[in-house]
N, C-alpha and C. Protein backbone atom coordinates (compact mmCIF):
# COMPACT_ATOMS: atom_id res chain seq x y z
N MET A 1 62.04 193.03 83.04
CA MET A 1 62.65 194.10 83.80
C MET A 1 61.95 194.19 85.15
N ALA A 2 62.71 194.60 86.16
CA ALA A 2 62.17 194.70 87.51
C ALA A 2 61.05 195.75 87.53
N PRO A 3 59.92 195.44 88.16
CA PRO A 3 58.80 196.36 88.17
C PRO A 3 59.10 197.66 88.90
N MET A 4 60.10 197.70 89.78
CA MET A 4 60.40 198.88 90.56
C MET A 4 61.38 199.81 89.83
N PHE A 5 61.75 199.51 88.60
CA PHE A 5 62.72 200.33 87.89
C PHE A 5 62.15 201.72 87.65
N ASN A 6 62.93 202.75 88.04
CA ASN A 6 62.45 204.13 87.91
C ASN A 6 63.47 205.01 87.18
N GLY A 7 64.15 204.42 86.21
CA GLY A 7 65.16 205.19 85.47
C GLY A 7 64.55 206.25 84.57
N LYS A 8 65.33 207.32 84.39
CA LYS A 8 64.94 208.41 83.50
C LYS A 8 65.99 208.54 82.41
N PRO A 9 65.63 209.03 81.24
CA PRO A 9 66.61 209.19 80.17
C PRO A 9 67.85 209.96 80.67
N GLY A 10 69.02 209.40 80.36
CA GLY A 10 70.28 210.01 80.77
C GLY A 10 70.85 209.45 82.06
N ASP A 11 70.06 208.62 82.77
CA ASP A 11 70.56 208.01 84.00
C ASP A 11 71.63 206.97 83.70
N LEU A 12 72.56 206.81 84.64
CA LEU A 12 73.56 205.76 84.54
C LEU A 12 73.04 204.52 85.24
N ILE A 13 73.22 203.38 84.59
CA ILE A 13 72.77 202.10 85.15
C ILE A 13 74.02 201.29 85.50
N GLU A 14 74.11 200.90 86.76
CA GLU A 14 75.21 200.05 87.23
C GLU A 14 74.70 198.61 87.31
N ILE A 15 75.41 197.71 86.65
CA ILE A 15 75.00 196.30 86.58
C ILE A 15 76.03 195.47 87.31
N PHE A 16 75.57 194.71 88.30
CA PHE A 16 76.47 193.94 89.15
C PHE A 16 76.69 192.56 88.57
N ARG A 17 77.78 192.41 87.88
CA ARG A 17 78.14 191.15 87.23
C ARG A 17 79.18 190.42 88.07
N ASP A 18 79.39 189.14 87.74
CA ASP A 18 80.47 188.40 88.38
C ASP A 18 81.78 188.97 87.85
N GLY A 19 82.78 189.01 88.68
CA GLY A 19 84.07 189.55 88.25
C GLY A 19 84.43 190.79 89.04
N PRO A 20 85.58 191.33 88.74
CA PRO A 20 86.09 192.44 89.56
C PRO A 20 85.42 193.79 89.30
N TYR A 21 84.76 193.95 88.15
CA TYR A 21 84.18 195.25 87.82
C TYR A 21 82.69 195.14 87.52
N GLN A 22 81.97 196.23 87.81
CA GLN A 22 80.56 196.33 87.41
C GLN A 22 80.51 196.79 85.96
N HIS A 23 79.38 196.53 85.32
CA HIS A 23 79.16 197.03 83.96
C HIS A 23 78.28 198.27 84.06
N TRP A 24 78.49 199.22 83.15
CA TRP A 24 77.75 200.49 83.16
C TRP A 24 77.10 200.74 81.81
N ALA A 25 75.91 201.35 81.85
CA ALA A 25 75.18 201.69 80.64
C ALA A 25 74.46 203.02 80.88
N VAL A 26 74.02 203.63 79.80
CA VAL A 26 73.24 204.87 79.88
C VAL A 26 71.82 204.54 79.44
N TYR A 27 70.86 204.84 80.32
CA TYR A 27 69.45 204.58 80.01
C TYR A 27 68.98 205.66 79.04
N ILE A 28 68.35 205.23 77.93
CA ILE A 28 67.89 206.24 76.97
C ILE A 28 66.37 206.39 77.00
N ARG A 29 65.62 205.30 77.03
CA ARG A 29 64.15 205.34 77.14
C ARG A 29 63.58 203.97 76.80
N GLU A 30 62.34 203.77 77.21
CA GLU A 30 61.59 202.56 76.84
C GLU A 30 62.41 201.28 76.96
N ASN A 31 63.00 201.07 78.13
CA ASN A 31 63.75 199.85 78.42
C ASN A 31 64.99 199.68 77.55
N GLU A 32 65.56 200.77 77.04
CA GLU A 32 66.75 200.67 76.22
C GLU A 32 67.93 201.41 76.84
N VAL A 33 69.12 200.85 76.62
CA VAL A 33 70.35 201.46 77.10
C VAL A 33 71.36 201.50 75.95
N VAL A 34 72.34 202.38 76.11
CA VAL A 34 73.50 202.42 75.23
C VAL A 34 74.69 202.11 76.13
N HIS A 35 75.54 201.19 75.65
CA HIS A 35 76.68 200.80 76.47
C HIS A 35 77.85 200.38 75.59
N LEU A 36 79.02 200.25 76.22
CA LEU A 36 80.25 199.90 75.53
C LEU A 36 80.52 198.41 75.72
N VAL A 37 80.69 197.69 74.60
CA VAL A 37 80.88 196.24 74.63
C VAL A 37 82.19 195.90 73.93
N THR A 38 83.03 195.11 74.59
CA THR A 38 84.33 194.76 74.01
C THR A 38 84.16 193.74 72.89
N GLU A 39 85.24 193.53 72.13
CA GLU A 39 85.23 192.56 71.02
C GLU A 39 84.71 191.21 71.51
N GLY A 40 84.05 190.51 70.67
CA GLY A 40 83.52 189.20 71.04
C GLY A 40 82.19 189.31 71.77
N GLY A 41 81.66 190.52 71.88
CA GLY A 41 80.34 190.70 72.49
C GLY A 41 80.34 190.71 74.00
N GLN A 42 81.52 190.66 74.63
CA GLN A 42 81.58 190.69 76.09
C GLN A 42 81.27 192.10 76.58
N SER A 43 80.33 192.23 77.49
CA SER A 43 80.10 193.53 78.12
C SER A 43 81.37 193.87 78.87
N SER A 44 81.72 195.13 78.85
CA SER A 44 83.02 195.51 79.39
C SER A 44 83.10 195.45 80.90
N GLY A 45 82.11 194.87 81.56
CA GLY A 45 82.21 194.66 83.00
C GLY A 45 83.19 193.57 83.33
N SER A 46 83.56 192.76 82.37
CA SER A 46 84.52 191.69 82.63
C SER A 46 85.92 192.23 82.42
N SER A 47 86.88 191.69 83.15
CA SER A 47 88.26 192.14 82.97
C SER A 47 88.97 191.21 82.01
N GLU A 48 88.19 190.38 81.32
CA GLU A 48 88.72 189.41 80.38
C GLU A 48 89.63 190.07 79.35
N SER A 49 89.22 191.24 78.90
CA SER A 49 89.97 191.95 77.88
C SER A 49 90.47 193.26 78.48
N LEU A 50 91.74 193.32 78.85
CA LEU A 50 92.27 194.50 79.49
C LEU A 50 92.40 195.67 78.52
N SER A 51 92.73 195.41 77.28
CA SER A 51 92.86 196.46 76.28
C SER A 51 92.48 195.88 74.92
N SER A 52 91.52 196.50 74.25
CA SER A 52 91.06 195.99 72.97
C SER A 52 90.18 197.03 72.29
N ARG A 53 89.45 196.59 71.30
CA ARG A 53 88.47 197.43 70.63
C ARG A 53 87.11 197.16 71.28
N ALA A 54 86.27 198.16 71.26
CA ALA A 54 84.92 198.00 71.81
C ALA A 54 83.93 198.71 70.91
N GLU A 55 82.70 198.24 70.95
CA GLU A 55 81.65 198.82 70.12
C GLU A 55 80.55 199.40 71.02
N VAL A 56 80.02 200.54 70.62
CA VAL A 56 78.90 201.15 71.32
C VAL A 56 77.63 200.49 70.78
N LYS A 57 76.82 199.93 71.70
CA LYS A 57 75.60 199.23 71.30
C LYS A 57 74.38 199.80 71.99
N ARG A 58 73.24 199.68 71.30
CA ARG A 58 71.93 200.05 71.85
C ARG A 58 71.17 198.75 71.98
N GLU A 59 70.76 198.43 73.22
CA GLU A 59 70.08 197.16 73.47
C GLU A 59 69.03 197.33 74.55
N LYS A 60 68.16 196.34 74.64
CA LYS A 60 67.16 196.31 75.70
C LYS A 60 67.87 196.14 77.05
N LEU A 61 67.46 196.91 78.03
CA LEU A 61 68.05 196.82 79.37
C LEU A 61 67.97 195.40 79.90
N THR A 62 66.82 194.75 79.71
CA THR A 62 66.65 193.38 80.22
C THR A 62 67.66 192.42 79.59
N ASP A 63 68.01 192.63 78.31
CA ASP A 63 68.99 191.77 77.65
C ASP A 63 70.40 192.02 78.19
N VAL A 64 70.71 193.27 78.47
CA VAL A 64 72.04 193.62 78.99
C VAL A 64 72.19 193.14 80.43
N VAL A 65 71.15 193.30 81.22
CA VAL A 65 71.20 192.93 82.64
C VAL A 65 71.16 191.42 82.83
N GLY A 66 70.35 190.73 82.03
CA GLY A 66 70.21 189.29 82.23
C GLY A 66 69.66 189.00 83.61
N ASN A 67 70.32 188.09 84.33
CA ASN A 67 69.87 187.72 85.69
C ASN A 67 70.58 188.48 86.78
N HIS A 68 71.36 189.49 86.42
CA HIS A 68 72.14 190.22 87.42
C HIS A 68 71.35 191.37 88.03
N ARG A 69 71.80 191.79 89.21
CA ARG A 69 71.20 192.96 89.87
C ARG A 69 71.68 194.22 89.16
N PHE A 70 70.89 195.28 89.23
CA PHE A 70 71.28 196.56 88.66
C PHE A 70 70.56 197.67 89.41
N LYS A 71 71.08 198.88 89.24
CA LYS A 71 70.42 200.04 89.85
C LYS A 71 70.81 201.30 89.09
N VAL A 72 69.97 202.33 89.24
CA VAL A 72 70.32 203.66 88.75
C VAL A 72 71.39 204.16 89.70
N ASN A 73 72.53 204.61 89.14
CA ASN A 73 73.61 205.12 89.99
C ASN A 73 74.28 206.30 89.28
N ASN A 74 73.73 207.48 89.51
CA ASN A 74 74.32 208.69 88.96
C ASN A 74 75.39 209.17 89.94
N LEU A 75 76.44 208.39 90.02
CA LEU A 75 77.44 208.46 91.07
C LEU A 75 78.20 209.77 91.19
N LEU A 76 78.25 210.56 90.15
CA LEU A 76 79.03 211.80 90.21
C LEU A 76 78.15 213.05 90.23
N ASP A 77 76.85 212.90 90.50
CA ASP A 77 75.94 214.05 90.51
C ASP A 77 76.35 215.10 91.55
N GLU A 78 76.96 214.67 92.65
CA GLU A 78 77.37 215.63 93.67
C GLU A 78 78.66 216.33 93.29
N LYS A 79 79.43 215.74 92.38
CA LYS A 79 80.72 216.31 91.96
C LYS A 79 80.57 217.18 90.71
N TYR A 80 79.75 216.72 89.77
CA TYR A 80 79.56 217.42 88.50
C TYR A 80 78.08 217.63 88.23
N GLU A 81 77.80 218.64 87.43
CA GLU A 81 76.42 218.86 87.00
C GLU A 81 76.15 217.93 85.81
N ALA A 82 75.06 217.20 85.88
CA ALA A 82 74.69 216.31 84.77
C ALA A 82 74.28 217.17 83.57
N ARG A 83 74.65 216.69 82.40
CA ARG A 83 74.24 217.39 81.17
C ARG A 83 72.74 217.19 80.95
N ASP A 84 72.18 217.96 80.09
CA ASP A 84 70.75 217.86 79.78
C ASP A 84 70.43 216.45 79.28
N PRO A 85 69.39 215.80 79.82
CA PRO A 85 69.05 214.43 79.40
C PRO A 85 68.88 214.29 77.89
N TYR A 86 68.29 215.30 77.25
CA TYR A 86 68.11 215.25 75.79
C TYR A 86 69.47 215.13 75.10
N VAL A 87 70.45 215.90 75.54
CA VAL A 87 71.80 215.89 74.96
C VAL A 87 72.47 214.54 75.21
N ILE A 88 72.34 214.02 76.43
CA ILE A 88 72.94 212.73 76.78
C ILE A 88 72.41 211.64 75.85
N VAL A 89 71.09 211.56 75.73
CA VAL A 89 70.44 210.54 74.90
C VAL A 89 70.80 210.72 73.43
N LYS A 90 70.78 211.94 72.95
CA LYS A 90 71.10 212.22 71.55
C LYS A 90 72.53 211.78 71.24
N GLU A 91 73.50 212.18 72.08
CA GLU A 91 74.89 211.80 71.83
C GLU A 91 75.10 210.29 71.98
N ALA A 92 74.44 209.68 72.94
CA ALA A 92 74.56 208.23 73.12
C ALA A 92 74.07 207.51 71.87
N CYS A 93 72.92 207.92 71.36
CA CYS A 93 72.36 207.28 70.16
C CYS A 93 73.22 207.52 68.93
N GLU A 94 73.82 208.70 68.83
CA GLU A 94 74.71 209.00 67.69
C GLU A 94 75.97 208.14 67.72
N MET A 95 76.36 207.68 68.89
CA MET A 95 77.58 206.87 69.00
C MET A 95 77.36 205.39 68.72
N VAL A 96 76.10 204.96 68.67
CA VAL A 96 75.81 203.54 68.43
C VAL A 96 76.47 203.10 67.13
N GLY A 97 77.18 201.97 67.21
CA GLY A 97 77.89 201.43 66.06
C GLY A 97 79.34 201.88 65.98
N CYS A 98 79.71 202.90 66.75
CA CYS A 98 81.09 203.38 66.73
C CYS A 98 82.01 202.37 67.41
N GLU A 99 83.22 202.27 66.90
CA GLU A 99 84.23 201.42 67.51
C GLU A 99 85.19 202.32 68.28
N LEU A 100 85.45 202.00 69.53
CA LEU A 100 86.32 202.80 70.38
C LEU A 100 87.44 201.92 70.94
N GLN A 101 88.54 202.55 71.30
CA GLN A 101 89.61 201.83 71.98
C GLN A 101 89.16 201.61 73.42
N TYR A 102 89.26 200.39 73.89
CA TYR A 102 88.85 200.04 75.25
C TYR A 102 90.08 199.68 76.06
N ASN A 103 90.16 200.20 77.27
CA ASN A 103 91.22 199.82 78.19
C ASN A 103 90.61 199.80 79.58
N VAL A 104 90.77 198.70 80.29
CA VAL A 104 90.12 198.55 81.58
C VAL A 104 90.50 199.67 82.55
N ALA A 105 91.71 200.21 82.44
CA ALA A 105 92.16 201.24 83.37
C ALA A 105 91.91 202.66 82.89
N THR A 106 91.94 202.90 81.58
CA THR A 106 91.88 204.28 81.10
C THR A 106 90.60 204.64 80.34
N TYR A 107 89.91 203.66 79.77
CA TYR A 107 88.63 203.95 79.10
C TYR A 107 87.80 202.68 79.02
N ASN A 108 86.97 202.50 80.04
CA ASN A 108 86.09 201.33 80.09
C ASN A 108 84.63 201.77 80.01
N CYS A 109 83.72 200.86 80.27
CA CYS A 109 82.29 201.17 80.15
C CYS A 109 81.85 202.27 81.12
N GLU A 110 82.47 202.34 82.29
CA GLU A 110 82.13 203.40 83.25
C GLU A 110 82.64 204.76 82.75
N HIS A 111 83.86 204.81 82.21
CA HIS A 111 84.36 206.05 81.60
C HIS A 111 83.39 206.52 80.51
N PHE A 112 82.98 205.57 79.67
CA PHE A 112 82.07 205.88 78.56
C PHE A 112 80.77 206.50 79.08
N ALA A 113 80.16 205.85 80.09
CA ALA A 113 78.88 206.31 80.62
C ALA A 113 79.00 207.67 81.32
N THR A 114 80.04 207.84 82.14
CA THR A 114 80.19 209.12 82.85
C THR A 114 80.54 210.25 81.88
N ASP A 115 81.25 209.93 80.81
CA ASP A 115 81.56 210.94 79.80
C ASP A 115 80.27 211.44 79.14
N LEU A 116 79.36 210.52 78.86
CA LEU A 116 78.08 210.94 78.26
C LEU A 116 77.25 211.79 79.24
N ARG A 117 77.18 211.38 80.49
CA ARG A 117 76.32 212.09 81.46
C ARG A 117 76.92 213.42 81.91
N TYR A 118 78.23 213.42 82.18
CA TYR A 118 78.85 214.60 82.79
C TYR A 118 79.82 215.36 81.88
N GLY A 119 80.18 214.74 80.75
CA GLY A 119 81.22 215.33 79.93
C GLY A 119 82.60 215.10 80.52
N LYS A 120 82.69 214.19 81.48
CA LYS A 120 83.94 213.83 82.16
C LYS A 120 84.04 212.31 82.21
N ALA A 121 85.08 211.77 81.61
CA ALA A 121 85.27 210.31 81.61
C ALA A 121 86.01 209.89 82.87
N GLU A 122 85.25 209.38 83.84
CA GLU A 122 85.86 208.92 85.10
C GLU A 122 85.36 207.53 85.43
N SER A 123 86.19 206.81 86.18
CA SER A 123 85.80 205.48 86.65
C SER A 123 86.17 205.36 88.11
N ARG A 124 85.16 205.37 88.97
CA ARG A 124 85.39 205.22 90.41
C ARG A 124 85.95 203.85 90.73
N GLN A 125 85.50 202.81 90.00
CA GLN A 125 85.99 201.48 90.33
C GLN A 125 87.47 201.35 89.98
N VAL A 126 87.93 202.03 88.93
CA VAL A 126 89.36 202.02 88.60
C VAL A 126 90.13 202.80 89.65
N GLN A 127 89.58 203.95 90.08
CA GLN A 127 90.25 204.74 91.12
C GLN A 127 90.34 203.95 92.41
N THR A 128 89.27 203.26 92.77
CA THR A 128 89.27 202.43 93.98
C THR A 128 90.29 201.31 93.86
N ALA A 129 90.32 200.65 92.70
CA ALA A 129 91.29 199.57 92.49
C ALA A 129 92.71 200.11 92.56
N ALA A 130 92.93 201.32 92.04
CA ALA A 130 94.26 201.92 92.08
C ALA A 130 94.67 202.22 93.51
N VAL A 131 93.74 202.71 94.33
CA VAL A 131 94.05 202.99 95.73
C VAL A 131 94.37 201.70 96.46
N ILE A 132 93.54 200.67 96.25
CA ILE A 132 93.78 199.38 96.91
C ILE A 132 95.13 198.82 96.48
N THR A 133 95.40 198.88 95.17
CA THR A 133 96.67 198.39 94.65
C THR A 133 97.81 199.21 95.22
N GLY A 134 97.64 200.52 95.29
CA GLY A 134 98.68 201.39 95.84
C GLY A 134 98.97 201.07 97.29
N VAL A 135 97.93 200.84 98.08
CA VAL A 135 98.11 200.48 99.48
C VAL A 135 98.83 199.13 99.58
N ALA A 136 98.43 198.18 98.76
CA ALA A 136 99.07 196.86 98.77
C ALA A 136 100.54 196.98 98.36
N VAL A 137 100.80 197.75 97.30
CA VAL A 137 102.19 197.93 96.85
C VAL A 137 103.00 198.63 97.93
N ALA A 138 102.42 199.65 98.55
CA ALA A 138 103.12 200.36 99.62
C ALA A 138 103.41 199.41 100.78
N GLY A 139 102.45 198.55 101.11
CA GLY A 139 102.66 197.57 102.18
C GLY A 139 103.79 196.61 101.85
N VAL A 140 103.80 196.13 100.63
CA VAL A 140 104.86 195.21 100.20
C VAL A 140 106.20 195.94 100.21
N ALA A 141 106.21 197.18 99.74
CA ALA A 141 107.45 197.97 99.71
C ALA A 141 107.97 198.20 101.12
N LEU A 142 107.07 198.53 102.05
CA LEU A 142 107.49 198.73 103.44
C LEU A 142 108.03 197.44 104.05
N ALA A 143 107.37 196.33 103.75
CA ALA A 143 107.84 195.04 104.26
C ALA A 143 109.23 194.72 103.69
N ALA A 144 109.41 194.98 102.40
CA ALA A 144 110.71 194.73 101.78
C ALA A 144 111.77 195.64 102.37
N LEU A 145 111.43 196.91 102.58
CA LEU A 145 112.37 197.84 103.18
C LEU A 145 112.74 197.40 104.59
N GLY A 146 111.73 197.00 105.34
CA GLY A 146 111.98 196.50 106.70
C GLY A 146 112.89 195.29 106.69
N ALA A 147 112.63 194.36 105.80
CA ALA A 147 113.46 193.15 105.70
C ALA A 147 114.89 193.53 105.31
N PHE A 148 115.02 194.46 104.37
CA PHE A 148 116.35 194.91 103.94
C PHE A 148 117.10 195.55 105.11
N LEU A 149 116.41 196.48 105.80
CA LEU A 149 117.05 197.15 106.93
C LEU A 149 117.42 196.16 108.03
N PHE A 150 116.52 195.23 108.31
CA PHE A 150 116.80 194.22 109.32
C PHE A 150 118.02 193.39 108.93
N SER A 151 118.02 192.91 107.67
CA SER A 151 119.15 192.09 107.24
C SER A 151 120.41 192.92 107.17
N SER A 152 120.28 194.19 106.80
CA SER A 152 121.43 195.08 106.75
C SER A 152 121.99 195.28 108.15
N LEU A 153 121.10 195.55 109.11
CA LEU A 153 121.55 195.74 110.49
C LEU A 153 122.10 194.44 111.06
N SER A 154 121.41 193.34 110.76
CA SER A 154 121.88 192.04 111.24
C SER A 154 123.25 191.74 110.65
N GLY A 155 123.40 192.02 109.37
CA GLY A 155 124.68 191.78 108.70
C GLY A 155 125.76 192.67 109.29
N LYS A 156 125.43 193.91 109.58
CA LYS A 156 126.38 194.85 110.17
C LYS A 156 126.78 194.38 111.56
N GLN A 157 125.78 193.92 112.33
CA GLN A 157 126.05 193.43 113.68
C GLN A 157 126.94 192.20 113.61
N GLU A 158 126.64 191.27 112.68
CA GLU A 158 127.48 190.08 112.52
C GLU A 158 128.89 190.46 112.16
N LYS A 159 129.05 191.43 111.27
CA LYS A 159 130.36 191.86 110.83
C LYS A 159 131.13 192.46 112.01
N GLU A 160 130.43 193.29 112.80
CA GLU A 160 131.07 193.88 113.99
C GLU A 160 131.50 192.79 114.96
N GLU A 161 130.63 191.79 115.16
CA GLU A 161 130.98 190.69 116.07
C GLU A 161 132.18 189.91 115.54
N GLU A 162 132.21 189.69 114.22
CA GLU A 162 133.36 188.98 113.62
C GLU A 162 134.64 189.79 113.78
N GLU A 163 134.55 191.11 113.59
CA GLU A 163 135.72 191.97 113.75
C GLU A 163 136.21 191.96 115.19
N GLU A 164 135.25 192.01 116.13
CA GLU A 164 135.63 191.97 117.54
C GLU A 164 136.32 190.65 117.86
N GLU A 165 135.75 189.56 117.31
CA GLU A 165 136.34 188.25 117.55
C GLU A 165 137.75 188.17 116.96
N GLU A 166 137.95 188.73 115.77
CA GLU A 166 139.25 188.74 115.11
C GLU A 166 140.24 189.57 115.92
N ASP A 167 139.80 190.74 116.40
CA ASP A 167 140.67 191.57 117.24
C ASP A 167 141.08 190.81 118.50
N TYR A 168 140.13 190.12 119.11
CA TYR A 168 140.42 189.35 120.31
C TYR A 168 141.46 188.28 120.02
N ARG A 169 141.30 187.57 118.87
CA ARG A 169 142.27 186.54 118.49
C ARG A 169 143.67 187.13 118.29
N LYS A 170 143.71 188.28 117.63
CA LYS A 170 145.00 188.94 117.39
C LYS A 170 145.66 189.31 118.71
N LYS A 171 144.87 189.89 119.62
CA LYS A 171 145.42 190.28 120.92
C LYS A 171 145.91 189.06 121.67
N THR A 172 145.12 187.98 121.61
CA THR A 172 145.49 186.76 122.30
C THR A 172 146.78 186.20 121.71
N ARG A 173 146.91 186.21 120.39
CA ARG A 173 148.12 185.72 119.73
C ARG A 173 149.32 186.59 120.13
N ARG A 174 149.16 187.92 120.11
CA ARG A 174 150.26 188.80 120.47
C ARG A 174 150.66 188.57 121.92
N HIS A 175 149.66 188.45 122.75
CA HIS A 175 149.91 188.22 124.16
C HIS A 175 150.61 186.88 124.34
N HIS A 176 150.15 185.89 123.61
CA HIS A 176 150.71 184.53 123.70
C HIS A 176 152.15 184.53 123.15
N GLN A 177 152.40 185.22 122.05
CA GLN A 177 153.75 185.31 121.47
C GLN A 177 154.70 186.08 122.40
N HIS A 178 154.19 187.08 123.06
CA HIS A 178 155.02 187.90 123.94
C HIS A 178 155.60 187.10 125.09
N TRP A 179 154.88 186.13 125.61
CA TRP A 179 155.30 185.33 126.76
C TRP A 179 156.13 184.14 126.35
N HIS A 180 156.23 183.78 125.10
CA HIS A 180 157.04 182.62 124.72
C HIS A 180 158.30 182.99 124.09
């Protein structure tokens, strides 16, 4: 474990893994954390399993972190009051061995950790991904709408030009028939 680690019981630990999401754990004491691990032993920081079963495990922080960077990140302390550390640790330890439904968007390792610390299951990384996805979807929708309107206007303009051309031909024919 990194010599500069200054976690206290009940702190949230953010682990920077490869992949789209970070992994989250709750520090309980003496280099141990409680965290949510998906089937097959994958820490839920991977998006490999979007929806499955997960198990609550108690493990050494160094084993969970491996070679990855990590930090104490009590990310919602300004939004919510943290529960008493004794209660957080007690409830985390009582959940060890429990099987929970895991879903990357609605209940992942970050939801699990924030629920223990604050009594509120939230995931900032899911919210951020939703905003990014929403912006991207909105951009695509606007581009599609623009293309539709452009093609609609272009089609309307073509139709008007064809009608004008047809009217001109009719007038020319009538004029031509009138003189013969």
